[in-house]
PDB file of all heavy atoms in Angstrom:
ATOM      1  N   GLY A   1     -58.174 -50.679  31.658  1.00  0.00           N
ATOM      2  CA  GLY A   1     -59.205 -50.526  30.642  1.00  0.00           C
ATOM      3  C   GLY A   1     -58.996 -49.345  29.721  1.00  0.00           C
ATOM      4  O   GLY A   1     -59.967 -48.736  29.246  1.00  0.00           O
ATOM      5  N   VAL A   2     -57.739 -49.011  29.421  1.00  0.00           N
ATOM      6  CA  VAL A   2     -57.468 -47.873  28.538  1.00  0.00           C
ATOM      7  C   VAL A   2     -58.007 -48.137  27.137  1.00  0.00           C
ATOM      8  O   VAL A   2     -58.414 -47.218  26.421  1.00  0.00           O
ATOM      9  CB  VAL A   2     -55.954 -47.579  28.497  1.00  0.00           C
ATOM     10  CG1 VAL A   2     -55.656 -46.378  27.609  1.00  0.00           C
ATOM     11  CG2 VAL A   2     -55.414 -47.342  29.901  1.00  0.00           C
ATOM     12  N   THR A   3     -58.033 -49.417  26.749  1.00  0.00           N
ATOM     13  CA  THR A   3     -58.584 -49.767  25.435  1.00  0.00           C
ATOM     14  C   THR A   3     -60.016 -49.282  25.293  1.00  0.00           C
ATOM     15  O   THR A   3     -60.411 -48.729  24.252  1.00  0.00           O
ATOM     16  CB  THR A   3     -58.532 -51.297  25.236  1.00  0.00           C
ATOM     17  OG1 THR A   3     -57.174 -51.732  25.282  1.00  0.00           O
ATOM     18  CG2 THR A   3     -59.142 -51.685  23.906  1.00  0.00           C
ATOM     19  N   LEU A   4     -60.819 -49.469  26.341  1.00  0.00           N
ATOM     20  CA  LEU A   4     -62.214 -49.001  26.301  1.00  0.00           C
ATOM     21  C   LEU A   4     -62.294 -47.498  26.103  1.00  0.00           C
ATOM     22  O   LEU A   4     -63.126 -46.996  25.338  1.00  0.00           O
ATOM     23  CB  LEU A   4     -62.914 -49.392  27.598  1.00  0.00           C
ATOM     24  CG  LEU A   4     -63.352 -50.858  27.733  1.00  0.00           C
ATOM     25  CD1 LEU A   4     -63.732 -51.162  29.173  1.00  0.00           C
ATOM     26  CD2 LEU A   4     -64.494 -51.165  26.788  1.00  0.00           C
ATOM     27  N   THR A   5     -61.418 -46.770  26.771  1.00  0.00           N
ATOM     28  CA  THR A   5     -61.412 -45.310  26.631  1.00  0.00           C
ATOM     29  C   THR A   5     -61.045 -44.909  25.204  1.00  0.00           C
ATOM     30  O   THR A   5     -61.621 -43.958  24.649  1.00  0.00           O
ATOM     31  CB  THR A   5     -60.422 -44.679  27.628  1.00  0.00           C
ATOM     32  OG1 THR A   5     -60.652 -45.204  28.937  1.00  0.00           O
ATOM     33  CG2 THR A   5     -60.578 -43.177  27.670  1.00  0.00           C
ATOM     34  N   CYS A   6     -60.092 -45.623  24.613  1.00  0.00           N
ATOM     35  CA  CYS A   6     -59.726 -45.337  23.218  1.00  0.00           C
ATOM     36  C   CYS A   6     -60.905 -45.569  22.281  1.00  0.00           C
ATOM     37  O   CYS A   6     -61.155 -44.765  21.357  1.00  0.00           O
ATOM     38  CB  CYS A   6     -58.560 -46.229  22.797  1.00  0.00           C
ATOM     39  SG  CYS A   6     -56.988 -45.850  23.587  1.00  0.00           S
ATOM     40  N   LEU A   7     -61.663 -46.637  22.497  1.00  0.00           N
ATOM     41  CA  LEU A   7     -62.822 -46.910  21.658  1.00  0.00           C
ATOM     42  C   LEU A   7     -63.870 -45.816  21.807  1.00  0.00           C
ATOM     43  O   LEU A   7     -64.476 -45.374  20.821  1.00  0.00           O
ATOM     44  CB  LEU A   7     -63.404 -48.281  22.006  1.00  0.00           C
ATOM     45  CG  LEU A   7     -62.503 -49.480  21.692  1.00  0.00           C
ATOM     46  CD1 LEU A   7     -63.139 -50.771  22.179  1.00  0.00           C
ATOM     47  CD2 LEU A   7     -62.203 -49.561  20.203  1.00  0.00           C
ATOM     48  N   ASP A   8     -64.097 -45.375  23.025  1.00  0.00           N
ATOM     49  CA  ASP A   8     -65.035 -44.269  23.248  1.00  0.00           C
ATOM     50  C   ASP A   8     -64.588 -43.013  22.519  1.00  0.00           C
ATOM     51  O   ASP A   8     -65.411 -42.276  21.947  1.00  0.00           O
ATOM     52  CB  ASP A   8     -65.152 -43.967  24.743  1.00  0.00           C
ATOM     53  CG  ASP A   8     -65.879 -45.061  25.517  1.00  0.00           C
ATOM     54  OD1 ASP A   8     -66.609 -45.854  24.881  1.00  0.00           O
ATOM     55  OD2 ASP A   8     -65.696 -45.124  26.749  1.00  0.00           O
ATOM     56  N   ALA A   9     -63.291 -42.750  22.534  1.00  0.00           N
ATOM     57  CA  ALA A   9     -62.761 -41.521  21.936  1.00  0.00           C
ATOM     58  C   ALA A   9     -62.860 -41.523  20.415  1.00  0.00           C
ATOM     59  O   ALA A   9     -63.006 -40.453  19.799  1.00  0.00           O
ATOM     60  CB  ALA A   9     -61.309 -41.331  22.358  1.00  0.00           C
ATOM     61  N   LEU A  10     -62.798 -42.686  19.791  1.00  0.00           N
ATOM     62  CA  LEU A  10     -62.680 -42.757  18.331  1.00  0.00           C
ATOM     63  C   LEU A  10     -63.937 -43.240  17.636  1.00  0.00           C
ATOM     64  O   LEU A  10     -64.002 -43.225  16.398  1.00  0.00           O
ATOM     65  CB  LEU A  10     -61.505 -43.670  17.953  1.00  0.00           C
ATOM     66  CG  LEU A  10     -60.136 -43.239  18.474  1.00  0.00           C
ATOM     67  CD1 LEU A  10     -59.082 -44.268  18.116  1.00  0.00           C
ATOM     68  CD2 LEU A  10     -59.747 -41.873  17.925  1.00  0.00           C
ATOM     69  N   ASP A  11     -64.930 -43.682  18.374  1.00  0.00           N
ATOM     70  CA  ASP A  11     -66.132 -44.229  17.744  1.00  0.00           C
ATOM     71  C   ASP A  11     -66.839 -43.177  16.900  1.00  0.00           C
ATOM     72  O   ASP A  11     -66.893 -41.997  17.251  1.00  0.00           O
ATOM     73  CB  ASP A  11     -67.095 -44.758  18.817  1.00  0.00           C
ATOM     74  CG  ASP A  11     -68.149 -45.668  18.223  1.00  0.00           C
ATOM     75  OD1 ASP A  11     -68.040 -46.022  17.019  1.00  0.00           O
ATOM     76  OD2 ASP A  11     -69.086 -46.042  18.952  1.00  0.00           O
ATOM     77  N   GLY A  12     -67.350 -43.633  15.766  1.00  0.00           N
ATOM     78  CA  GLY A  12     -68.123 -42.758  14.893  1.00  0.00           C
ATOM     79  C   GLY A  12     -67.359 -42.200  13.719  1.00  0.00           C
ATOM     80  O   GLY A  12     -67.957 -41.661  12.785  1.00  0.00           O
ATOM     81  N   ARG A  13     -66.024 -42.320  13.730  1.00  0.00           N
ATOM     82  CA  ARG A  13     -65.245 -41.789  12.605  1.00  0.00           C
ATOM     83  C   ARG A  13     -65.329 -42.759  11.427  1.00  0.00           C
ATOM     84  O   ARG A  13     -65.082 -43.958  11.560  1.00  0.00           O
ATOM     85  CB  ARG A  13     -63.794 -41.578  13.005  1.00  0.00           C
ATOM     86  CG  ARG A  13     -63.583 -40.446  13.991  1.00  0.00           C
ATOM     87  CD  ARG A  13     -62.111 -40.097  14.086  1.00  0.00           C
ATOM     88  NE  ARG A  13     -61.581 -39.556  12.844  1.00  0.00           N
ATOM     89  CZ  ARG A  13     -61.168 -38.303  12.674  1.00  0.00           C
ATOM     90  NH1 ARG A  13     -61.241 -37.444  13.678  1.00  0.00           N
ATOM     91  NH2 ARG A  13     -60.686 -37.907  11.522  1.00  0.00           N
ATOM     92  N   ALA A  14     -65.650 -42.205  10.254  1.00  0.00           N
ATOM     93  CA  ALA A  14     -65.788 -43.035   9.063  1.00  0.00           C
ATOM     94  C   ALA A  14     -64.466 -43.258   8.347  1.00  0.00           C
ATOM     95  O   ALA A  14     -64.398 -44.059   7.406  1.00  0.00           O
ATOM     96  CB  ALA A  14     -66.789 -42.386   8.105  1.00  0.00           C
ATOM     97  N   ASP A  15     -63.422 -42.538   8.771  1.00  0.00           N
ATOM     98  CA  ASP A  15     -62.132 -42.640   8.084  1.00  0.00           C
ATOM     99  C   ASP A  15     -61.182 -43.600   8.784  1.00  0.00           C
ATOM    100  O   ASP A  15     -59.974 -43.605   8.527  1.00  0.00           O
ATOM    101  CB  ASP A  15     -61.479 -41.261   7.980  1.00  0.00           C
ATOM    102  CG  ASP A  15     -61.314 -40.582   9.336  1.00  0.00           C
ATOM    103  OD1 ASP A  15     -61.884 -41.095  10.323  1.00  0.00           O
ATOM    104  OD2 ASP A  15     -60.620 -39.550   9.405  1.00  0.00           O
ATOM    105  N   LEU A  16     -61.709 -44.430   9.694  1.00  0.00           N
ATOM    106  CA  LEU A  16     -60.867 -45.329  10.480  1.00  0.00           C
ATOM    107  C   LEU A  16     -61.214 -46.786  10.234  1.00  0.00           C
ATOM    108  O   LEU A  16     -62.354 -47.145   9.933  1.00  0.00           O
ATOM    109  CB  LEU A  16     -61.030 -45.061  11.979  1.00  0.00           C
ATOM    110  CG  LEU A  16     -60.482 -43.768  12.554  1.00  0.00           C
ATOM    111  CD1 LEU A  16     -60.649 -43.778  14.061  1.00  0.00           C
ATOM    112  CD2 LEU A  16     -59.034 -43.589  12.188  1.00  0.00           C
ATOM    113  N   ASP A  17     -60.204 -47.617  10.435  1.00  0.00           N
ATOM    114  CA  ASP A  17     -60.388 -49.059  10.538  1.00  0.00           C
ATOM    115  C   ASP A  17     -59.598 -49.468  11.778  1.00  0.00           C
ATOM    116  O   ASP A  17     -58.361 -49.338  11.798  1.00  0.00           O
ATOM    117  CB  ASP A  17     -59.864 -49.769   9.289  1.00  0.00           C
ATOM    118  CG  ASP A  17     -60.163 -51.248   9.315  1.00  0.00           C
ATOM    119  OD1 ASP A  17     -59.461 -51.981  10.048  1.00  0.00           O
ATOM    120  OD2 ASP A  17     -61.084 -51.679   8.610  1.00  0.00           O
ATOM    121  N   LEU A  18     -60.274 -49.920  12.833  1.00  0.00           N
ATOM    122  CA  LEU A  18     -59.638 -50.162  14.121  1.00  0.00           C
ATOM    123  C   LEU A  18     -59.369 -51.645  14.357  1.00  0.00           C
ATOM    124  O   LEU A  18     -60.187 -52.499  14.018  1.00  0.00           O
ATOM    125  CB  LEU A  18     -60.515 -49.639  15.251  1.00  0.00           C
ATOM    126  CG  LEU A  18     -60.725 -48.116  15.332  1.00  0.00           C
ATOM    127  CD1 LEU A  18     -61.722 -47.786  16.437  1.00  0.00           C
ATOM    128  CD2 LEU A  18     -59.406 -47.411  15.579  1.00  0.00           C
ATOM    129  N   THR A  19     -58.222 -51.911  14.974  1.00  0.00           N
ATOM    130  CA  THR A  19     -57.879 -53.262  15.413  1.00  0.00           C
ATOM    131  C   THR A  19     -57.495 -53.194  16.882  1.00  0.00           C
ATOM    132  O   THR A  19     -56.580 -52.453  17.256  1.00  0.00           O
ATOM    133  CB  THR A  19     -56.701 -53.840  14.599  1.00  0.00           C
ATOM    134  OG1 THR A  19     -57.095 -53.951  13.224  1.00  0.00           O
ATOM    135  CG2 THR A  19     -56.314 -55.219  15.121  1.00  0.00           C
ATOM    136  N   VAL A  20     -58.182 -53.952  17.718  1.00  0.00           N
ATOM    137  CA  VAL A  20     -57.904 -54.010  19.143  1.00  0.00           C
ATOM    138  C   VAL A  20     -57.170 -55.317  19.434  1.00  0.00           C
ATOM    139  O   VAL A  20     -57.611 -56.390  19.023  1.00  0.00           O
ATOM    140  CB  VAL A  20     -59.200 -53.941  19.974  1.00  0.00           C
ATOM    141  CG1 VAL A  20     -58.905 -54.153  21.453  1.00  0.00           C
ATOM    142  CG2 VAL A  20     -59.897 -52.603  19.748  1.00  0.00           C
ATOM    143  N   ILE A  21     -56.033 -55.219  20.154  1.00  0.00           N
ATOM    144  CA  ILE A  21     -55.213 -56.394  20.451  1.00  0.00           C
ATOM    145  C   ILE A  21     -55.163 -56.580  21.958  1.00  0.00           C
ATOM    146  O   ILE A  21     -54.706 -55.696  22.692  1.00  0.00           O
ATOM    147  CB  ILE A  21     -53.783 -56.221  19.882  1.00  0.00           C
ATOM    148  CG1 ILE A  21     -53.846 -55.884  18.396  1.00  0.00           C
ATOM    149  CG2 ILE A  21     -52.950 -57.481  20.116  1.00  0.00           C
ATOM    150  CD1 ILE A  21     -52.549 -55.342  17.839  1.00  0.00           C
ATOM    151  N   LEU A  22     -55.634 -57.744  22.418  1.00  0.00           N
ATOM    152  CA  LEU A  22     -55.689 -58.029  23.852  1.00  0.00           C
ATOM    153  C   LEU A  22     -55.398 -59.504  24.116  1.00  0.00           C
ATOM    154  O   LEU A  22     -55.380 -60.323  23.187  1.00  0.00           O
ATOM    155  CB  LEU A  22     -57.068 -57.690  24.418  1.00  0.00           C
ATOM    156  CG  LEU A  22     -57.405 -56.225  24.701  1.00  0.00           C
ATOM    157  CD1 LEU A  22     -58.866 -56.102  25.113  1.00  0.00           C
ATOM    158  CD2 LEU A  22     -56.494 -55.633  25.768  1.00  0.00           C
ATOM    159  N   SER A  23     -55.234 -59.813  25.393  1.00  0.00           N
ATOM    160  CA  SER A  23     -55.112 -61.194  25.846  1.00  0.00           C
ATOM    161  C   SER A  23     -56.470 -61.694  26.333  1.00  0.00           C
ATOM    162  O   SER A  23     -57.337 -60.900  26.721  1.00  0.00           O
ATOM    163  CB  SER A  23     -54.094 -61.278  26.986  1.00  0.00           C
ATOM    164  OG  SER A  23     -54.229 -62.475  27.713  1.00  0.00           O
ATOM    165  N   SER A  24     -56.625 -63.024  26.315  1.00  0.00           N
ATOM    166  CA  SER A  24     -57.851 -63.608  26.884  1.00  0.00           C
ATOM    167  C   SER A  24     -57.954 -63.338  28.376  1.00  0.00           C
ATOM    168  O   SER A  24     -59.029 -63.487  28.962  1.00  0.00           O
ATOM    169  CB  SER A  24     -57.874 -65.123  26.637  1.00  0.00           C
ATOM    170  OG  SER A  24     -57.972 -65.387  25.260  1.00  0.00           O
ATOM    171  N   ASP A  25     -56.832 -62.936  28.990  1.00  0.00           N
ATOM    172  CA  ASP A  25     -56.812 -62.621  30.417  1.00  0.00           C
ATOM    173  C   ASP A  25     -57.018 -61.140  30.695  1.00  0.00           C
ATOM    174  O   ASP A  25     -56.828 -60.688  31.832  1.00  0.00           O
ATOM    175  CB  ASP A  25     -55.494 -63.075  31.038  1.00  0.00           C
ATOM    176  CG  ASP A  25     -55.292 -64.577  30.946  1.00  0.00           C
ATOM    177  OD1 ASP A  25     -56.290 -65.308  31.085  1.00  0.00           O
ATOM    178  OD2 ASP A  25     -54.147 -65.015  30.720  1.00  0.00           O
ATOM    179  N   ALA A  26     -57.376 -60.375  29.686  1.00  0.00           N
ATOM    180  CA  ALA A  26     -57.562 -58.933  29.871  1.00  0.00           C
ATOM    181  C   ALA A  26     -58.568 -58.652  30.979  1.00  0.00           C
ATOM    182  O   ALA A  26     -59.607 -59.324  31.095  1.00  0.00           O
ATOM    183  CB  ALA A  26     -58.020 -58.287  28.563  1.00  0.00           C
ATOM    184  N   ALA A  27     -58.257 -57.649  31.781  1.00  0.00           N
ATOM    185  CA  ALA A  27     -59.065 -57.365  32.963  1.00  0.00           C
ATOM    186  C   ALA A  27     -60.512 -57.016  32.612  1.00  0.00           C
ATOM    187  O   ALA A  27     -61.438 -57.364  33.349  1.00  0.00           O
ATOM    188  CB  ALA A  27     -58.424 -56.225  33.756  1.00  0.00           C
ATOM    189  N   LYS A  28     -60.728 -56.340  31.493  1.00  0.00           N
ATOM    190  CA  LYS A  28     -62.078 -55.908  31.129  1.00  0.00           C
ATOM    191  C   LYS A  28     -62.466 -56.450  29.755  1.00  0.00           C
ATOM    192  O   LYS A  28     -63.036 -55.742  28.923  1.00  0.00           O
ATOM    193  CB  LYS A  28     -62.157 -54.382  31.164  1.00  0.00           C
ATOM    194  CG  LYS A  28     -61.836 -53.805  32.551  1.00  0.00           C
ATOM    195  CD  LYS A  28     -62.039 -52.320  32.631  1.00  0.00           C
ATOM    196  CE  LYS A  28     -61.715 -51.807  34.045  1.00  0.00           C
ATOM    197  NZ  LYS A  28     -61.937 -50.357  34.186  1.00  0.00           N
TER     198      LYS A  28
END
C-alpha cells in the first residue's frame, strides 16, 4: 500500500496533477 502513503504525503498541494497506476488485483 505504498501508493496510499504517497497520496497522504502529497494531498493538498495545488501545484500538482497526480496519476495513480495500479492493477485491478491491487492489494488495497
